[in-house]
Amino acid sequence: MKIEIKTHNNTPIAEIVSEHIVINKTQDALDIMANSNYMGADKMIIHEKNIIPGFFDLKTGIAGEILQKFSNYRVQLAIVGDFSKHNSKSLRDFIYESNKHGHINFVESTEEAYTKLTK
């Protein structure tokens, strides 16, 4: 895993770059947040493929646990992926509500993530 800090509109944003799952549990997210913060970024982009699939099954509670940490530590997040493949109405509703508030964003492209995180 690599954490790349990129500046977009004078805002440092940490992007997680990996071909593997890097967030399996809440502590993984906390570690990544701490490392990103140490590198000067309090906004983060993570790709769907880097998060354990159970995250997207809201019944597991994993999403709630992890995203609560991002809220508690005031780290704005964009998750990049194709969420249309998930057939859960509750997940679609969750994504809609999250995107409406803007602290946690589910987006289709990295470019959209940078735009959301620098509004």
N, C-alpha and C. Protein backbone atom coordinates (compact mmCIF):
# COMPACT_ATOMS: atom_id res chain seq x y z
N MET A 1 0.84 -1.18 0.00
CA MET A 1 0.00 0.00 0.00
C MET A 1 0.88 1.24 0.00
N LYS A 2 0.41 2.21 -0.74
CA LYS A 2 1.11 3.49 -0.81
C LYS A 2 0.10 4.60 -0.54
N ILE A 3 0.51 5.59 0.23
CA ILE A 3 -0.31 6.77 0.45
C ILE A 3 0.33 7.91 -0.34
N GLU A 4 -0.38 8.38 -1.36
CA GLU A 4 0.12 9.48 -2.17
C GLU A 4 -0.60 10.76 -1.75
N ILE A 5 0.16 11.79 -1.43
CA ILE A 5 -0.42 13.08 -1.10
C ILE A 5 -0.37 13.94 -2.34
N LYS A 6 -1.55 14.35 -2.78
CA LYS A 6 -1.66 15.22 -3.95
C LYS A 6 -2.37 16.49 -3.53
N THR A 7 -1.95 17.60 -4.09
CA THR A 7 -2.58 18.88 -3.78
C THR A 7 -3.52 19.25 -4.92
N HIS A 8 -4.75 19.51 -4.57
CA HIS A 8 -5.78 19.89 -5.54
C HIS A 8 -6.45 21.15 -5.00
N ASN A 9 -6.40 22.23 -5.77
CA ASN A 9 -6.94 23.52 -5.31
C ASN A 9 -6.37 23.91 -3.94
N ASN A 10 -5.06 23.76 -3.80
CA ASN A 10 -4.33 24.10 -2.56
C ASN A 10 -4.76 23.26 -1.36
N THR A 11 -5.35 22.10 -1.61
CA THR A 11 -5.80 21.22 -0.54
C THR A 11 -5.05 19.90 -0.63
N PRO A 12 -4.30 19.52 0.41
CA PRO A 12 -3.63 18.21 0.38
C PRO A 12 -4.65 17.08 0.60
N ILE A 13 -4.58 16.09 -0.29
CA ILE A 13 -5.50 14.95 -0.23
C ILE A 13 -4.67 13.67 -0.31
N ALA A 14 -4.93 12.75 0.61
CA ALA A 14 -4.24 11.46 0.60
C ALA A 14 -5.04 10.48 -0.25
N GLU A 15 -4.37 9.86 -1.20
CA GLU A 15 -5.01 8.82 -2.00
C GLU A 15 -4.32 7.50 -1.71
N ILE A 16 -5.11 6.51 -1.36
CA ILE A 16 -4.57 5.18 -1.08
C ILE A 16 -4.43 4.44 -2.40
N VAL A 17 -3.22 3.96 -2.67
CA VAL A 17 -2.93 3.27 -3.92
C VAL A 17 -2.48 1.85 -3.59
N SER A 18 -3.29 0.88 -4.01
CA SER A 18 -2.96 -0.51 -3.76
C SER A 18 -3.82 -1.39 -4.66
N GLU A 19 -3.30 -2.54 -4.99
CA GLU A 19 -4.08 -3.53 -5.74
C GLU A 19 -4.76 -4.52 -4.80
N HIS A 20 -4.60 -4.33 -3.50
CA HIS A 20 -5.11 -5.28 -2.52
C HIS A 20 -6.06 -4.60 -1.55
N ILE A 21 -6.79 -5.39 -0.79
CA ILE A 21 -7.63 -4.87 0.28
C ILE A 21 -6.71 -4.38 1.39
N VAL A 22 -6.89 -3.12 1.79
CA VAL A 22 -6.06 -2.55 2.85
C VAL A 22 -6.88 -2.21 4.09
N ILE A 23 -8.22 -2.18 3.94
CA ILE A 23 -9.07 -1.94 5.10
C ILE A 23 -9.93 -3.19 5.31
N ASN A 24 -9.52 -3.96 6.30
CA ASN A 24 -10.26 -5.17 6.70
C ASN A 24 -11.05 -4.95 7.98
N LYS A 25 -10.61 -3.99 8.77
CA LYS A 25 -11.24 -3.72 10.07
C LYS A 25 -11.03 -2.26 10.43
N THR A 26 -11.68 -1.83 11.49
CA THR A 26 -11.65 -0.43 11.91
C THR A 26 -10.23 0.05 12.17
N GLN A 27 -9.41 -0.77 12.79
CA GLN A 27 -8.05 -0.35 13.12
C GLN A 27 -7.24 -0.03 11.86
N ASP A 28 -7.48 -0.75 10.77
CA ASP A 28 -6.79 -0.45 9.52
C ASP A 28 -7.11 0.97 9.06
N ALA A 29 -8.38 1.35 9.15
CA ALA A 29 -8.79 2.70 8.75
C ALA A 29 -8.14 3.74 9.66
N LEU A 30 -8.10 3.46 10.96
CA LEU A 30 -7.46 4.39 11.90
C LEU A 30 -5.98 4.56 11.60
N ASP A 31 -5.31 3.47 11.28
CA ASP A 31 -3.88 3.55 10.95
C ASP A 31 -3.64 4.38 9.70
N ILE A 32 -4.47 4.18 8.69
CA ILE A 32 -4.33 4.94 7.45
C ILE A 32 -4.61 6.41 7.69
N MET A 33 -5.64 6.70 8.49
CA MET A 33 -5.94 8.10 8.83
C MET A 33 -4.77 8.76 9.55
N ALA A 34 -4.19 8.05 10.51
CA ALA A 34 -3.06 8.60 11.27
C ALA A 34 -1.87 8.87 10.36
N ASN A 35 -1.57 7.93 9.48
CA ASN A 35 -0.45 8.12 8.56
C ASN A 35 -0.70 9.28 7.60
N SER A 36 -1.92 9.39 7.11
CA SER A 36 -2.27 10.48 6.20
C SER A 36 -2.18 11.83 6.91
N ASN A 37 -2.68 11.87 8.13
CA ASN A 37 -2.61 13.10 8.91
C ASN A 37 -1.17 13.50 9.17
N TYR A 38 -0.33 12.53 9.49
CA TYR A 38 1.09 12.78 9.72
C TYR A 38 1.74 13.37 8.46
N MET A 39 1.24 12.95 7.30
CA MET A 39 1.77 13.44 6.03
C MET A 39 1.12 14.75 5.60
N GLY A 40 0.19 15.27 6.41
CA GLY A 40 -0.37 16.59 6.16
C GLY A 40 -1.73 16.63 5.48
N ALA A 41 -2.42 15.50 5.41
CA ALA A 41 -3.73 15.48 4.73
C ALA A 41 -4.83 15.04 5.69
N ASP A 42 -5.93 15.79 5.70
CA ASP A 42 -7.10 15.38 6.48
C ASP A 42 -8.29 15.10 5.57
N LYS A 43 -7.98 14.86 4.29
CA LYS A 43 -8.97 14.42 3.32
C LYS A 43 -8.38 13.21 2.62
N MET A 44 -9.23 12.23 2.30
CA MET A 44 -8.70 10.96 1.81
C MET A 44 -9.57 10.36 0.71
N ILE A 45 -8.89 9.70 -0.23
CA ILE A 45 -9.55 8.94 -1.28
C ILE A 45 -9.15 7.48 -1.12
N ILE A 46 -10.17 6.62 -1.07
CA ILE A 46 -9.95 5.18 -1.00
C ILE A 46 -10.79 4.55 -2.10
N HIS A 47 -10.24 3.56 -2.76
CA HIS A 47 -10.97 2.88 -3.83
C HIS A 47 -11.73 1.68 -3.26
N GLU A 48 -12.89 1.44 -3.81
CA GLU A 48 -13.76 0.34 -3.36
C GLU A 48 -13.01 -0.98 -3.27
N LYS A 49 -12.12 -1.24 -4.22
CA LYS A 49 -11.39 -2.52 -4.24
C LYS A 49 -10.44 -2.66 -3.06
N ASN A 50 -10.17 -1.56 -2.34
CA ASN A 50 -9.25 -1.59 -1.21
C ASN A 50 -9.96 -1.80 0.12
N ILE A 51 -11.28 -1.97 0.07
CA ILE A 51 -12.08 -2.13 1.29
C ILE A 51 -12.71 -3.53 1.28
N ILE A 52 -12.69 -4.18 2.42
CA ILE A 52 -13.27 -5.51 2.56
C ILE A 52 -14.71 -5.51 2.02
N PRO A 53 -15.10 -6.50 1.22
CA PRO A 53 -16.45 -6.51 0.64
C PRO A 53 -17.58 -6.43 1.66
N GLY A 54 -17.38 -6.97 2.86
CA GLY A 54 -18.40 -6.91 3.89
C GLY A 54 -18.78 -5.49 4.29
N PHE A 55 -17.93 -4.54 4.01
CA PHE A 55 -18.21 -3.13 4.27
C PHE A 55 -19.51 -2.71 3.57
N PHE A 56 -19.73 -3.23 2.37
CA PHE A 56 -20.86 -2.82 1.55
C PHE A 56 -22.14 -3.61 1.86
N ASP A 57 -22.08 -4.52 2.82
CA ASP A 57 -23.25 -5.20 3.35
C ASP A 57 -23.53 -4.54 4.70
N LEU A 58 -24.45 -3.61 4.72
CA LEU A 58 -24.67 -2.79 5.92
C LEU A 58 -25.04 -3.61 7.15
N LYS A 59 -25.57 -4.81 6.95
CA LYS A 59 -25.94 -5.67 8.08
C LYS A 59 -24.73 -6.06 8.93
N THR A 60 -23.54 -6.06 8.34
CA THR A 60 -22.34 -6.44 9.09
C THR A 60 -21.94 -5.39 10.12
N GLY A 61 -22.32 -4.14 9.88
CA GLY A 61 -21.94 -3.05 10.78
C GLY A 61 -20.55 -2.50 10.54
N ILE A 62 -19.81 -3.11 9.62
CA ILE A 62 -18.43 -2.67 9.37
C ILE A 62 -18.40 -1.24 8.84
N ALA A 63 -19.28 -0.92 7.90
CA ALA A 63 -19.30 0.44 7.34
C ALA A 63 -19.56 1.47 8.43
N GLY A 64 -20.53 1.20 9.27
CA GLY A 64 -20.86 2.13 10.34
C GLY A 64 -19.68 2.37 11.28
N GLU A 65 -19.01 1.29 11.67
CA GLU A 65 -17.86 1.41 12.57
C GLU A 65 -16.75 2.25 11.94
N ILE A 66 -16.41 1.91 10.70
CA ILE A 66 -15.29 2.59 10.04
C ILE A 66 -15.63 4.05 9.74
N LEU A 67 -16.81 4.29 9.18
CA LEU A 67 -17.15 5.66 8.80
C LEU A 67 -17.36 6.55 10.01
N GLN A 68 -17.75 5.97 11.14
CA GLN A 68 -17.87 6.76 12.36
C GLN A 68 -16.50 7.30 12.78
N LYS A 69 -15.46 6.52 12.57
CA LYS A 69 -14.10 6.98 12.90
C LYS A 69 -13.71 8.16 12.02
N PHE A 70 -14.06 8.10 10.72
CA PHE A 70 -13.76 9.23 9.84
C PHE A 70 -14.48 10.48 10.33
N SER A 71 -15.72 10.33 10.77
CA SER A 71 -16.47 11.46 11.30
C SER A 71 -15.87 11.97 12.61
N ASN A 72 -15.57 11.05 13.53
CA ASN A 72 -15.01 11.44 14.82
C ASN A 72 -13.71 12.22 14.68
N TYR A 73 -12.86 11.79 13.75
CA TYR A 73 -11.56 12.42 13.57
C TYR A 73 -11.56 13.50 12.49
N ARG A 74 -12.76 13.82 12.00
CA ARG A 74 -12.96 14.90 11.02
C ARG A 74 -12.09 14.74 9.78
N VAL A 75 -12.03 13.51 9.28
CA VAL A 75 -11.32 13.23 8.04
C VAL A 75 -12.38 13.04 6.96
N GLN A 76 -12.37 13.95 5.98
CA GLN A 76 -13.33 13.86 4.89
C GLN A 76 -12.88 12.75 3.95
N LEU A 77 -13.83 11.95 3.48
CA LEU A 77 -13.52 10.75 2.72
C LEU A 77 -14.31 10.68 1.43
N ALA A 78 -13.63 10.21 0.38
CA ALA A 78 -14.30 9.86 -0.87
C ALA A 78 -13.94 8.41 -1.19
N ILE A 79 -14.96 7.59 -1.39
CA ILE A 79 -14.76 6.21 -1.78
C ILE A 79 -15.11 6.11 -3.26
N VAL A 80 -14.14 5.67 -4.06
CA VAL A 80 -14.31 5.62 -5.51
C VAL A 80 -14.65 4.19 -5.93
N GLY A 81 -15.73 4.05 -6.70
CA GLY A 81 -16.08 2.72 -7.17
C GLY A 81 -17.36 2.71 -7.98
N ASP A 82 -17.72 1.51 -8.41
CA ASP A 82 -18.97 1.30 -9.13
C ASP A 82 -19.94 0.66 -8.14
N PHE A 83 -20.78 1.47 -7.53
CA PHE A 83 -21.67 1.00 -6.49
C PHE A 83 -22.99 0.47 -7.04
N SER A 84 -23.21 0.61 -8.33
CA SER A 84 -24.44 0.13 -8.95
C SER A 84 -24.54 -1.39 -8.90
N LYS A 85 -23.41 -2.07 -8.73
CA LYS A 85 -23.43 -3.53 -8.70
C LYS A 85 -23.97 -4.09 -7.38
N HIS A 86 -24.08 -3.22 -6.38
CA HIS A 86 -24.64 -3.64 -5.10
C HIS A 86 -26.16 -3.49 -5.18
N ASN A 87 -26.88 -4.57 -4.94
CA ASN A 87 -28.33 -4.58 -5.12
C ASN A 87 -29.12 -4.18 -3.88
N SER A 88 -28.46 -3.69 -2.88
CA SER A 88 -29.12 -3.38 -1.61
C SER A 88 -29.75 -1.99 -1.64
N LYS A 89 -31.05 -1.93 -1.39
CA LYS A 89 -31.73 -0.63 -1.31
C LYS A 89 -31.19 0.17 -0.13
N SER A 90 -30.94 -0.50 0.99
CA SER A 90 -30.43 0.22 2.16
C SER A 90 -29.05 0.82 1.87
N LEU A 91 -28.21 0.13 1.10
CA LEU A 91 -26.90 0.69 0.74
C LEU A 91 -27.09 1.88 -0.20
N ARG A 92 -27.98 1.76 -1.17
CA ARG A 92 -28.23 2.89 -2.08
C ARG A 92 -28.72 4.11 -1.29
N ASP A 93 -29.62 3.88 -0.33
CA ASP A 93 -30.12 4.98 0.51
C ASP A 93 -28.99 5.58 1.35
N PHE A 94 -28.14 4.70 1.89
CA PHE A 94 -27.01 5.15 2.69
C PHE A 94 -26.06 6.01 1.87
N ILE A 95 -25.76 5.57 0.65
CA ILE A 95 -24.88 6.33 -0.24
C ILE A 95 -25.51 7.69 -0.57
N TYR A 96 -26.81 7.68 -0.87
CA TYR A 96 -27.50 8.93 -1.18
C TYR A 96 -27.40 9.92 -0.02
N GLU A 97 -27.69 9.46 1.19
CA GLU A 97 -27.65 10.32 2.37
C GLU A 97 -26.22 10.80 2.66
N SER A 98 -25.27 9.91 2.52
CA SER A 98 -23.87 10.29 2.76
C SER A 98 -23.44 11.37 1.78
N ASN A 99 -23.73 11.19 0.52
CA ASN A 99 -23.34 12.16 -0.50
C ASN A 99 -24.04 13.51 -0.29
N LYS A 100 -25.25 13.47 0.24
CA LYS A 100 -25.99 14.71 0.48
C LYS A 100 -25.30 15.57 1.55
N HIS A 101 -24.72 14.92 2.54
CA HIS A 101 -24.08 15.65 3.64
C HIS A 101 -22.63 16.03 3.31
N GLY A 102 -21.96 15.25 2.47
CA GLY A 102 -20.67 15.64 1.94
C GLY A 102 -19.43 15.29 2.75
N HIS A 103 -19.58 14.77 3.95
CA HIS A 103 -18.37 14.40 4.70
C HIS A 103 -17.82 13.06 4.21
N ILE A 104 -18.71 12.14 3.96
CA ILE A 104 -18.38 10.84 3.36
C ILE A 104 -19.03 10.83 1.99
N ASN A 105 -18.23 10.62 0.95
CA ASN A 105 -18.74 10.66 -0.42
C ASN A 105 -18.47 9.35 -1.14
N PHE A 106 -19.45 8.88 -1.87
CA PHE A 106 -19.30 7.71 -2.72
C PHE A 106 -19.36 8.24 -4.15
N VAL A 107 -18.27 8.08 -4.90
CA VAL A 107 -18.16 8.68 -6.23
C VAL A 107 -17.70 7.64 -7.24
N GLU A 108 -17.87 7.97 -8.53
CA GLU A 108 -17.55 7.03 -9.59
C GLU A 108 -16.13 7.17 -10.13
N SER A 109 -15.47 8.30 -9.88
CA SER A 109 -14.13 8.50 -10.44
C SER A 109 -13.24 9.27 -9.47
N THR A 110 -11.95 9.12 -9.68
CA THR A 110 -11.00 9.85 -8.85
C THR A 110 -11.15 11.35 -9.06
N GLU A 111 -11.41 11.77 -10.29
CA GLU A 111 -11.59 13.19 -10.58
C GLU A 111 -12.77 13.75 -9.79
N GLU A 112 -13.87 12.98 -9.74
CA GLU A 112 -15.03 13.41 -8.97
C GLU A 112 -14.69 13.48 -7.48
N ALA A 113 -13.87 12.56 -7.02
CA ALA A 113 -13.45 12.57 -5.60
C ALA A 113 -12.70 13.85 -5.27
N TYR A 114 -11.74 14.23 -6.13
CA TYR A 114 -10.98 15.46 -5.88
C TYR A 114 -11.91 16.67 -5.87
N THR A 115 -12.89 16.69 -6.77
CA THR A 115 -13.83 17.82 -6.82
C THR A 115 -14.65 17.88 -5.54
N LYS A 116 -15.17 16.73 -5.09
CA LYS A 116 -15.98 16.70 -3.86
C LYS A 116 -15.18 17.13 -2.63
N LEU A 117 -13.92 16.68 -2.58
CA LEU A 117 -13.11 16.96 -1.39
C LEU A 117 -12.57 18.38 -1.33
N THR A 118 -12.71 19.12 -2.41
CA THR A 118 -12.20 20.50 -2.41
C THR A 118 -13.30 21.53 -2.57
N LYS A 119 -14.55 21.12 -2.36
CA LYS A 119 -15.67 22.07 -2.42
C LYS A 119 -15.65 22.99 -1.23
